[in-house]
């Protein structure tokens, strides 16, 4: 029930953020829609610690801003490569080790790699992610395991 309540609060917070309306009728309709969604998910038995990991919510407050900063830095790098008349690309595929304890942690790591412009996660098996990078430098950036450490910290101890 804690997961259902947390999911309901998160859905309502997202609804409020996206709508921006504070009229009593609209707030009531927003609450009602979130309650119906949580009720349907509960009836489907789709709410558990995997689908809505409450323990990750607070840790995400430090991870997501860091990831956004990395995305902006990568965007600027890729834009510089594209605007360069010599187009200095050197496509590279290499394996990257994922030290996360759960499948969800590894998926978050793989998605974080893909969200970063110039890199994409091609395949994931066990504790290894195959990454395609636009440049050799982009591929070598995974020698510094900063993103891996941050995702592992976001994941927290395996439940």
Protein backbone atom coordinates (compact mmCIF):
# COMPACT_ATOMS: atom_id res chain seq x y z
CA UNK A 1 0.00 0.00 0.00
CA UNK A 2 2.96 2.32 0.61
CA UNK A 3 4.03 1.91 -3.02
CA UNK A 4 0.49 2.71 -4.21
CA UNK A 5 0.35 5.86 -2.07
CA UNK A 6 3.81 6.94 -3.25
CA UNK A 7 2.83 6.34 -6.87
CA UNK A 8 -0.38 8.33 -6.38
CA UNK A 9 1.51 11.27 -4.88
CA UNK A 10 4.11 11.16 -7.65
CA UNK A 11 1.40 11.07 -10.33
CA UNK A 12 -0.43 13.98 -8.74
CA UNK A 13 2.79 15.99 -8.42
CA UNK A 14 3.51 15.36 -12.11
CA UNK A 15 -0.06 16.28 -13.05
CA UNK A 16 0.20 19.48 -11.03
CA UNK A 17 3.57 20.34 -12.57
CA UNK A 18 2.33 19.79 -16.10
CA UNK A 19 -1.09 21.43 -15.70
CA UNK A 20 -0.21 24.39 -13.47
CA UNK A 21 -3.85 24.90 -12.53
CA UNK A 22 -4.88 25.43 -8.93
CA UNK A 23 -8.65 25.77 -9.32
CA UNK A 24 -10.59 23.57 -6.85
CA UNK A 25 -12.51 21.73 -9.60
CA UNK A 26 -9.38 20.94 -11.61
CA UNK A 27 -7.44 19.90 -8.50
CA UNK A 28 -10.29 17.54 -7.62
CA UNK A 29 -10.34 16.09 -11.13
CA UNK A 30 -6.56 15.64 -11.00
CA UNK A 31 -6.78 13.80 -7.68
CA UNK A 32 -9.64 11.67 -9.03
CA UNK A 33 -7.72 10.72 -12.16
CA UNK A 34 -4.64 9.76 -10.14
CA UNK A 35 -6.76 7.67 -7.76
CA UNK A 36 -8.37 5.85 -10.70
CA UNK A 37 -4.98 5.14 -12.29
CA UNK A 38 -3.52 3.81 -9.04
CA UNK A 39 -6.66 1.71 -8.47
CA UNK A 40 -6.38 0.20 -11.98
CA UNK A 41 -2.67 -0.53 -11.49
CA UNK A 42 -3.43 -2.08 -8.09
CA UNK A 43 -6.12 -4.29 -9.64
CA UNK A 44 -3.62 -5.34 -12.32
CA UNK A 45 -1.11 -6.16 -9.56
CA UNK A 46 1.37 -3.89 -11.31
CA UNK A 47 2.55 -1.90 -8.28
CA UNK A 48 5.53 -3.36 -6.45
CA UNK A 49 9.01 -2.36 -5.30
CA UNK A 50 10.37 -2.84 -8.84
CA UNK A 51 7.81 -0.73 -10.67
CA UNK A 52 7.94 2.17 -8.21
CA UNK A 53 11.17 2.10 -6.18
CA UNK A 54 10.49 4.68 -3.50
CA UNK A 55 14.06 4.39 -2.22
CA UNK A 56 15.33 5.93 -5.47
CA UNK A 57 13.15 9.01 -5.34
CA UNK A 58 15.26 11.15 -3.00
CA UNK A 59 18.56 10.00 -4.47
CA UNK A 60 17.25 11.07 -7.86
CA UNK A 61 17.22 14.68 -6.70
CA UNK A 62 21.01 14.70 -6.98
CA UNK A 63 21.36 12.31 -9.96
CA UNK A 64 18.97 13.92 -12.46
CA UNK A 65 20.52 17.42 -12.31
CA UNK A 66 23.97 15.86 -12.77
CA UNK A 67 22.70 13.85 -15.76
CA UNK A 68 21.13 16.98 -17.28
CA UNK A 69 24.49 18.77 -16.98
CA UNK A 70 26.21 15.84 -18.72
CA UNK A 71 23.59 15.86 -21.49
CA UNK A 72 24.16 19.58 -22.10
CA UNK A 73 27.96 19.09 -22.18
CA UNK A 74 27.60 16.20 -24.63
CA UNK A 75 25.18 18.23 -26.78
CA UNK A 76 27.75 21.01 -27.07
CA UNK A 77 30.48 18.51 -27.96
CA UNK A 78 28.36 16.81 -30.63
CA UNK A 79 27.30 20.19 -32.04
CA UNK A 80 30.97 21.17 -32.27
CA UNK A 81 31.78 17.96 -34.13
CA UNK A 82 28.90 18.48 -36.57
CA UNK A 83 29.79 22.12 -37.22
CA UNK A 84 33.47 21.31 -37.79
CA UNK A 85 34.09 21.23 -41.57
CA UNK A 86 36.40 18.21 -41.21
CA UNK A 87 33.69 16.30 -39.26
CA UNK A 88 36.18 14.53 -36.95
CA UNK A 89 34.18 11.41 -36.14
CA UNK A 90 35.63 8.01 -35.35
CA UNK A 91 32.70 5.70 -34.59
CA UNK A 92 33.64 3.20 -31.92
CA UNK A 93 31.85 0.28 -30.29
CA UNK A 94 33.11 -0.96 -26.96
CA UNK A 95 31.89 -2.86 -23.90
CA UNK A 96 31.30 -0.94 -20.68
CA UNK A 97 31.08 -2.67 -17.31
CA UNK A 98 27.93 -2.02 -15.27
CA UNK A 99 28.43 -2.51 -11.53
CA UNK A 100 24.77 -2.12 -10.53
CA UNK A 101 23.24 -4.92 -8.44
CA UNK A 102 19.77 -4.97 -10.01
CA UNK A 103 18.37 -5.12 -13.52
CA UNK A 104 16.66 -1.78 -12.95
CA UNK A 105 19.99 -0.18 -12.01
CA UNK A 106 21.65 -1.54 -15.15
CA UNK A 107 18.74 -0.33 -17.29
CA UNK A 108 18.98 3.15 -15.76
CA UNK A 109 22.72 3.13 -16.53
CA UNK A 110 22.15 1.98 -20.13
CA UNK A 111 19.41 4.60 -20.62
CA UNK A 112 21.63 7.31 -19.13
CA UNK A 113 24.31 6.40 -21.66
CA UNK A 114 21.77 6.58 -24.48
CA UNK A 115 20.39 9.92 -23.26
CA UNK A 116 23.87 11.41 -23.49
CA UNK A 117 24.30 12.66 -27.10
CA UNK A 118 27.01 10.93 -29.09
CA UNK A 119 26.60 7.59 -27.33
CA UNK A 120 24.01 4.84 -27.49
CA UNK A 121 23.62 1.56 -25.64
CA UNK A 122 23.41 -1.14 -28.29
CA UNK A 123 23.19 -4.32 -26.22
CA UNK A 124 23.07 -5.25 -22.57
CA UNK A 125 23.95 -8.65 -21.15
CA UNK A 126 24.61 -9.43 -17.50
CA UNK A 127 27.10 -6.82 -16.26
CA UNK A 128 28.18 -5.49 -19.63
CA UNK A 129 26.70 -2.86 -21.91
CA UNK A 130 27.84 -2.56 -25.51
CA UNK A 131 28.12 1.16 -26.29
CA UNK A 132 28.43 2.85 -29.68
CA UNK A 133 30.13 6.24 -29.50
CA UNK A 134 30.44 8.91 -32.18
CA UNK A 135 34.12 9.46 -31.38
CA UNK A 136 36.93 7.49 -29.82
CA UNK A 137 37.15 10.13 -27.07
CA UNK A 138 33.46 9.59 -26.32
CA UNK A 139 34.06 5.86 -25.97
CA UNK A 140 37.10 6.44 -23.77
CA UNK A 141 35.07 8.71 -21.48
CA UNK A 142 33.67 5.52 -19.93
CA UNK A 143 37.15 4.73 -18.58
CA UNK A 144 36.18 7.24 -15.87
CA UNK A 145 33.37 5.38 -14.10
CA UNK A 146 31.64 8.53 -12.78
CA UNK A 147 28.26 7.74 -14.37
CA UNK A 148 28.47 4.12 -13.21
CA UNK A 149 29.19 5.24 -9.63
CA UNK A 150 26.35 7.75 -9.64
CA UNK A 151 23.82 5.22 -10.97
CA UNK A 152 24.98 2.69 -8.38
CA UNK A 153 24.49 5.33 -5.67
CA UNK A 154 21.03 6.14 -7.11
CA UNK A 155 20.14 2.45 -7.07
CA UNK A 156 21.14 2.07 -3.43
CA UNK A 157 21.40 -1.32 -1.78
CA UNK A 158 19.65 -4.16 -3.61
CA UNK A 159 16.20 -4.78 -2.20
